[in-house]
PDB file of all heavy atoms in Angstrom:
ATOM      1  N   ASP A   1     103.377 -49.367  26.793  1.00  0.00           N
ATOM      2  CA  ASP A   1     104.124 -49.294  25.569  1.00  0.00           C
ATOM      3  C   ASP A   1     105.064 -48.063  25.604  1.00  0.00           C
ATOM      4  O   ASP A   1     104.621 -46.990  26.143  1.00  0.00           O
ATOM      5  CB  ASP A   1     103.198 -49.283  24.390  1.00  0.00           C
ATOM      6  CG  ASP A   1     102.871 -50.688  23.837  1.00  0.00           C
ATOM      7  OD1 ASP A   1     103.195 -51.618  24.557  1.00  0.00           O
ATOM      8  OD2 ASP A   1     102.388 -50.731  22.752  1.00  0.00           O
ATOM      9  N   GLN A   2     106.193 -48.203  25.014  1.00  0.00           N
ATOM     10  CA  GLN A   2     107.154 -47.039  24.887  1.00  0.00           C
ATOM     11  C   GLN A   2     106.574 -46.069  23.922  1.00  0.00           C
ATOM     12  O   GLN A   2     106.148 -46.392  22.840  1.00  0.00           O
ATOM     13  CB  GLN A   2     108.474 -47.543  24.363  1.00  0.00           C
ATOM     14  CG  GLN A   2     109.508 -46.432  24.089  1.00  0.00           C
ATOM     15  CD  GLN A   2     110.119 -45.893  25.333  1.00  0.00           C
ATOM     16  OE1 GLN A   2     110.725 -46.668  26.118  1.00  0.00           O
ATOM     17  NE2 GLN A   2     109.977 -44.636  25.577  1.00  0.00           N
ATOM     18  N   GLN A   3     106.496 -44.786  24.291  1.00  0.00           N
ATOM     19  CA  GLN A   3     106.091 -43.686  23.435  1.00  0.00           C
ATOM     20  C   GLN A   3     107.248 -42.627  23.350  1.00  0.00           C
ATOM     21  O   GLN A   3     107.856 -42.360  24.373  1.00  0.00           O
ATOM     22  CB  GLN A   3     104.827 -43.034  23.958  1.00  0.00           C
ATOM     23  CG  GLN A   3     103.664 -43.920  23.861  1.00  0.00           C
ATOM     24  CD  GLN A   3     102.368 -43.207  23.625  1.00  0.00           C
ATOM     25  OE1 GLN A   3     101.347 -43.619  24.131  1.00  0.00           O
ATOM     26  NE2 GLN A   3     102.367 -42.175  22.839  1.00  0.00           N
ATOM     27  N   VAL A   4     107.474 -42.195  22.156  1.00  0.00           N
ATOM     28  CA  VAL A   4     108.554 -41.164  21.875  1.00  0.00           C
ATOM     29  C   VAL A   4     107.824 -40.065  21.078  1.00  0.00           C
ATOM     30  O   VAL A   4     107.337 -40.236  20.048  1.00  0.00           O
ATOM     31  CB  VAL A   4     109.713 -41.729  21.120  1.00  0.00           C
ATOM     32  CG1 VAL A   4     110.768 -40.685  20.941  1.00  0.00           C
ATOM     33  CG2 VAL A   4     110.342 -42.938  21.872  1.00  0.00           C
ATOM     34  N   SER A   5     107.839 -38.875  21.738  1.00  0.00           N
ATOM     35  CA  SER A   5     107.145 -37.755  21.098  1.00  0.00           C
ATOM     36  C   SER A   5     107.923 -37.259  19.864  1.00  0.00           C
ATOM     37  O   SER A   5     109.136 -37.586  19.680  1.00  0.00           O
ATOM     38  CB  SER A   5     106.999 -36.540  22.068  1.00  0.00           C
ATOM     39  OG  SER A   5     108.312 -35.924  22.174  1.00  0.00           O
ATOM     40  N   PRO A   6     107.310 -36.502  19.044  1.00  0.00           N
ATOM     41  CA  PRO A   6     108.044 -35.799  17.961  1.00  0.00           C
ATOM     42  C   PRO A   6     109.122 -34.847  18.644  1.00  0.00           C
ATOM     43  O   PRO A   6     108.973 -34.496  19.805  1.00  0.00           O
ATOM     44  CB  PRO A   6     107.002 -35.006  17.225  1.00  0.00           C
ATOM     45  CG  PRO A   6     105.758 -35.608  17.567  1.00  0.00           C
ATOM     46  CD  PRO A   6     105.913 -36.149  18.923  1.00  0.00           C
ATOM     47  N   VAL A   7     110.107 -34.443  17.844  1.00  0.00           N
ATOM     48  CA  VAL A   7     111.045 -33.445  18.376  1.00  0.00           C
ATOM     49  C   VAL A   7     110.343 -32.105  18.412  1.00  0.00           C
ATOM     50  O   VAL A   7     109.630 -31.766  17.443  1.00  0.00           O
ATOM     51  CB  VAL A   7     112.305 -33.379  17.492  1.00  0.00           C
ATOM     52  CG1 VAL A   7     113.209 -32.280  17.924  1.00  0.00           C
ATOM     53  CG2 VAL A   7     113.036 -34.777  17.530  1.00  0.00           C
ATOM     54  N   SER A   8     110.556 -31.315  19.471  1.00  0.00           N
ATOM     55  CA  SER A   8     109.859 -30.013  19.607  1.00  0.00           C
ATOM     56  C   SER A   8     110.522 -28.985  18.696  1.00  0.00           C
ATOM     57  O   SER A   8     111.482 -29.221  18.026  1.00  0.00           O
ATOM     58  CB  SER A   8     110.110 -29.534  21.045  1.00  0.00           C
ATOM     59  OG  SER A   8     111.471 -29.094  21.243  1.00  0.00           O
ATOM     60  N   GLY A   9     109.816 -27.854  18.718  1.00  0.00           N
ATOM     61  CA  GLY A   9     110.439 -26.683  18.053  1.00  0.00           C
ATOM     62  C   GLY A   9     111.513 -26.101  18.952  1.00  0.00           C
ATOM     63  O   GLY A   9     111.884 -26.683  20.060  1.00  0.00           O
ATOM     64  N   ASP A  10     112.055 -24.919  18.662  1.00  0.00           N
ATOM     65  CA  ASP A  10     113.167 -24.323  19.375  1.00  0.00           C
ATOM     66  C   ASP A  10     112.792 -23.798  20.732  1.00  0.00           C
ATOM     67  O   ASP A  10     111.761 -23.096  20.826  1.00  0.00           O
ATOM     68  CB  ASP A  10     113.735 -23.196  18.623  1.00  0.00           C
ATOM     69  CG  ASP A  10     114.512 -23.639  17.360  1.00  0.00           C
ATOM     70  OD1 ASP A  10     114.835 -24.900  17.236  1.00  0.00           O
ATOM     71  OD2 ASP A  10     114.783 -22.839  16.436  1.00  0.00           O
ATOM     72  N   VAL A  11     113.485 -24.186  21.742  1.00  0.00           N
ATOM     73  CA  VAL A  11     113.271 -23.680  23.115  1.00  0.00           C
ATOM     74  C   VAL A  11     114.422 -22.677  23.416  1.00  0.00           C
ATOM     75  O   VAL A  11     115.578 -23.057  23.327  1.00  0.00           O
ATOM     76  CB  VAL A  11     113.302 -24.841  24.196  1.00  0.00           C
ATOM     77  CG1 VAL A  11     113.197 -24.277  25.564  1.00  0.00           C
ATOM     78  CG2 VAL A  11     112.315 -25.909  23.871  1.00  0.00           C
ATOM     79  N   THR A  12     114.104 -21.450  23.677  1.00  0.00           N
ATOM     80  CA  THR A  12     115.050 -20.455  23.997  1.00  0.00           C
ATOM     81  C   THR A  12     115.341 -20.457  25.504  1.00  0.00           C
ATOM     82  O   THR A  12     114.413 -20.408  26.292  1.00  0.00           O
ATOM     83  CB  THR A  12     114.543 -18.987  23.518  1.00  0.00           C
ATOM     84  OG1 THR A  12     114.278 -19.014  22.173  1.00  0.00           O
ATOM     85  CG2 THR A  12     115.535 -17.945  23.980  1.00  0.00           C
ATOM     86  N   ILE A  13     116.615 -20.630  25.839  1.00  0.00           N
ATOM     87  CA  ILE A  13     117.022 -20.664  27.207  1.00  0.00           C
ATOM     88  C   ILE A  13     117.362 -19.205  27.663  1.00  0.00           C
ATOM     89  O   ILE A  13     118.224 -18.557  27.071  1.00  0.00           O
ATOM     90  CB  ILE A  13     118.292 -21.518  27.389  1.00  0.00           C
ATOM     91  CG1 ILE A  13     118.081 -22.936  26.790  1.00  0.00           C
ATOM     92  CG2 ILE A  13     118.720 -21.549  28.912  1.00  0.00           C
ATOM     93  CD1 ILE A  13     116.971 -23.763  27.407  1.00  0.00           C
ATOM     94  N   THR A  14     116.620 -18.722  28.677  1.00  0.00           N
ATOM     95  CA  THR A  14     116.854 -17.408  29.170  1.00  0.00           C
ATOM     96  C   THR A  14     118.275 -17.331  29.787  1.00  0.00           C
ATOM     97  O   THR A  14     118.664 -18.321  30.487  1.00  0.00           O
ATOM     98  CB  THR A  14     115.793 -17.047  30.215  1.00  0.00           C
ATOM     99  OG1 THR A  14     114.528 -17.098  29.627  1.00  0.00           O
ATOM    100  CG2 THR A  14     116.018 -15.662  30.836  1.00  0.00           C
ATOM    101  N   ASN A  15     119.021 -16.278  29.490  1.00  0.00           N
ATOM    102  CA  ASN A  15     120.433 -16.013  29.999  1.00  0.00           C
ATOM    103  C   ASN A  15     121.427 -17.076  29.588  1.00  0.00           C
ATOM    104  O   ASN A  15     122.356 -17.360  30.291  1.00  0.00           O
ATOM    105  CB  ASN A  15     120.362 -15.952  31.509  1.00  0.00           C
ATOM    106  CG  ASN A  15     119.483 -14.840  32.041  1.00  0.00           C
ATOM    107  OD1 ASN A  15     119.344 -13.803  31.401  1.00  0.00           O
ATOM    108  ND2 ASN A  15     118.839 -15.069  33.177  1.00  0.00           N
ATOM    109  N   ALA A  16     121.181 -17.773  28.431  1.00  0.00           N
ATOM    110  CA  ALA A  16     122.079 -18.801  27.965  1.00  0.00           C
ATOM    111  C   ALA A  16     123.557 -18.319  27.863  1.00  0.00           C
ATOM    112  O   ALA A  16     123.790 -17.236  27.302  1.00  0.00           O
ATOM    113  CB  ALA A  16     121.604 -19.393  26.651  1.00  0.00           C
ATOM    114  N   ALA A  17     124.454 -19.109  28.433  1.00  0.00           N
ATOM    115  CA  ALA A  17     125.875 -18.741  28.291  1.00  0.00           C
ATOM    116  C   ALA A  17     126.693 -19.990  28.780  1.00  0.00           C
ATOM    117  O   ALA A  17     126.174 -20.847  29.460  1.00  0.00           O
ATOM    118  CB  ALA A  17     126.226 -17.563  29.286  1.00  0.00           C
ATOM    119  N   VAL A  18     127.979 -19.980  28.406  1.00  0.00           N
ATOM    120  CA  VAL A  18     128.848 -21.078  28.820  1.00  0.00           C
ATOM    121  C   VAL A  18     129.089 -20.929  30.346  1.00  0.00           C
ATOM    122  O   VAL A  18     128.915 -19.841  30.891  1.00  0.00           O
ATOM    123  CB  VAL A  18     130.183 -21.141  28.054  1.00  0.00           C
ATOM    124  CG1 VAL A  18     129.896 -21.440  26.597  1.00  0.00           C
ATOM    125  CG2 VAL A  18     130.914 -19.864  28.243  1.00  0.00           C
ATOM    126  N   ASP A  19     129.520 -22.026  30.943  1.00  0.00           N
ATOM    127  CA  ASP A  19     129.873 -22.012  32.416  1.00  0.00           C
ATOM    128  C   ASP A  19     128.677 -21.602  33.275  1.00  0.00           C
ATOM    129  O   ASP A  19     128.860 -20.875  34.235  1.00  0.00           O
ATOM    130  CB  ASP A  19     131.125 -21.168  32.680  1.00  0.00           C
ATOM    131  CG  ASP A  19     132.389 -21.800  32.101  1.00  0.00           C
ATOM    132  OD1 ASP A  19     132.379 -22.992  31.950  1.00  0.00           O
ATOM    133  OD2 ASP A  19     133.290 -21.050  31.720  1.00  0.00           O
ATOM    134  N   THR A  20     127.492 -22.009  32.884  1.00  0.00           N
ATOM    135  CA  THR A  20     126.327 -21.745  33.682  1.00  0.00           C
ATOM    136  C   THR A  20     125.652 -23.130  33.997  1.00  0.00           C
ATOM    137  O   THR A  20     125.996 -24.153  33.380  1.00  0.00           O
ATOM    138  CB  THR A  20     125.302 -20.935  32.890  1.00  0.00           C
ATOM    139  OG1 THR A  20     124.899 -21.607  31.700  1.00  0.00           O
ATOM    140  CG2 THR A  20     125.794 -19.556  32.630  1.00  0.00           C
ATOM    141  N   GLN A  21     124.750 -23.105  34.915  1.00  0.00           N
ATOM    142  CA  GLN A  21     123.913 -24.327  35.144  1.00  0.00           C
ATOM    143  C   GLN A  21     122.513 -23.938  34.583  1.00  0.00           C
ATOM    144  O   GLN A  21     122.011 -22.817  34.845  1.00  0.00           O
ATOM    145  CB  GLN A  21     123.796 -24.598  36.627  1.00  0.00           C
ATOM    146  CG  GLN A  21     122.971 -25.850  36.907  1.00  0.00           C
ATOM    147  CD  GLN A  21     123.120 -26.358  38.307  1.00  0.00           C
ATOM    148  OE1 GLN A  21     123.920 -25.893  39.081  1.00  0.00           O
ATOM    149  NE2 GLN A  21     122.249 -27.311  38.661  1.00  0.00           N
ATOM    150  N   THR A  22     122.003 -24.770  33.745  1.00  0.00           N
ATOM    151  CA  THR A  22     120.659 -24.537  33.138  1.00  0.00           C
ATOM    152  C   THR A  22     119.630 -25.390  33.815  1.00  0.00           C
ATOM    153  O   THR A  22     119.714 -26.603  33.903  1.00  0.00           O
ATOM    154  CB  THR A  22     120.796 -24.812  31.654  1.00  0.00           C
ATOM    155  OG1 THR A  22     121.783 -24.066  31.051  1.00  0.00           O
ATOM    156  CG2 THR A  22     119.447 -24.507  30.982  1.00  0.00           C
ATOM    157  N   TYR A  23     118.631 -24.663  34.297  1.00  0.00           N
ATOM    158  CA  TYR A  23     117.540 -25.303  35.043  1.00  0.00           C
ATOM    159  C   TYR A  23     116.341 -25.454  34.001  1.00  0.00           C
ATOM    160  O   TYR A  23     116.037 -24.501  33.292  1.00  0.00           O
ATOM    161  CB  TYR A  23     117.032 -24.417  36.198  1.00  0.00           C
ATOM    162  CG  TYR A  23     118.113 -24.370  37.269  1.00  0.00           C
ATOM    163  CD1 TYR A  23     119.132 -23.413  37.239  1.00  0.00           C
ATOM    164  CD2 TYR A  23     118.062 -25.235  38.323  1.00  0.00           C
ATOM    165  CE1 TYR A  23     120.108 -23.386  38.213  1.00  0.00           C
ATOM    166  CE2 TYR A  23     119.063 -25.230  39.301  1.00  0.00           C
ATOM    167  CZ  TYR A  23     120.046 -24.324  39.294  1.00  0.00           C
ATOM    168  OH  TYR A  23     121.009 -24.205  40.269  1.00  0.00           O
ATOM    169  N   PHE A  24     115.715 -26.591  33.997  1.00  0.00           N
ATOM    170  CA  PHE A  24     114.577 -26.858  33.140  1.00  0.00           C
ATOM    171  C   PHE A  24     113.351 -27.202  33.955  1.00  0.00           C
ATOM    172  O   PHE A  24     113.521 -27.800  35.045  1.00  0.00           O
ATOM    173  CB  PHE A  24     114.893 -28.016  32.218  1.00  0.00           C
ATOM    174  CG  PHE A  24     115.927 -27.704  31.120  1.00  0.00           C
ATOM    175  CD1 PHE A  24     117.223 -28.047  31.252  1.00  0.00           C
ATOM    176  CD2 PHE A  24     115.470 -27.127  29.960  1.00  0.00           C
ATOM    177  CE1 PHE A  24     118.136 -27.709  30.281  1.00  0.00           C
ATOM    178  CE2 PHE A  24     116.346 -26.894  28.947  1.00  0.00           C
ATOM    179  CZ  PHE A  24     117.731 -27.170  29.111  1.00  0.00           C
TER     180      PHE A  24
END
């Protein structure tokens, strides 16, 4: 069966900036 979690709280991305690649 399809399960969809609740939406999480805020995840802070270290070094967040435009023109970057974000690894998760």
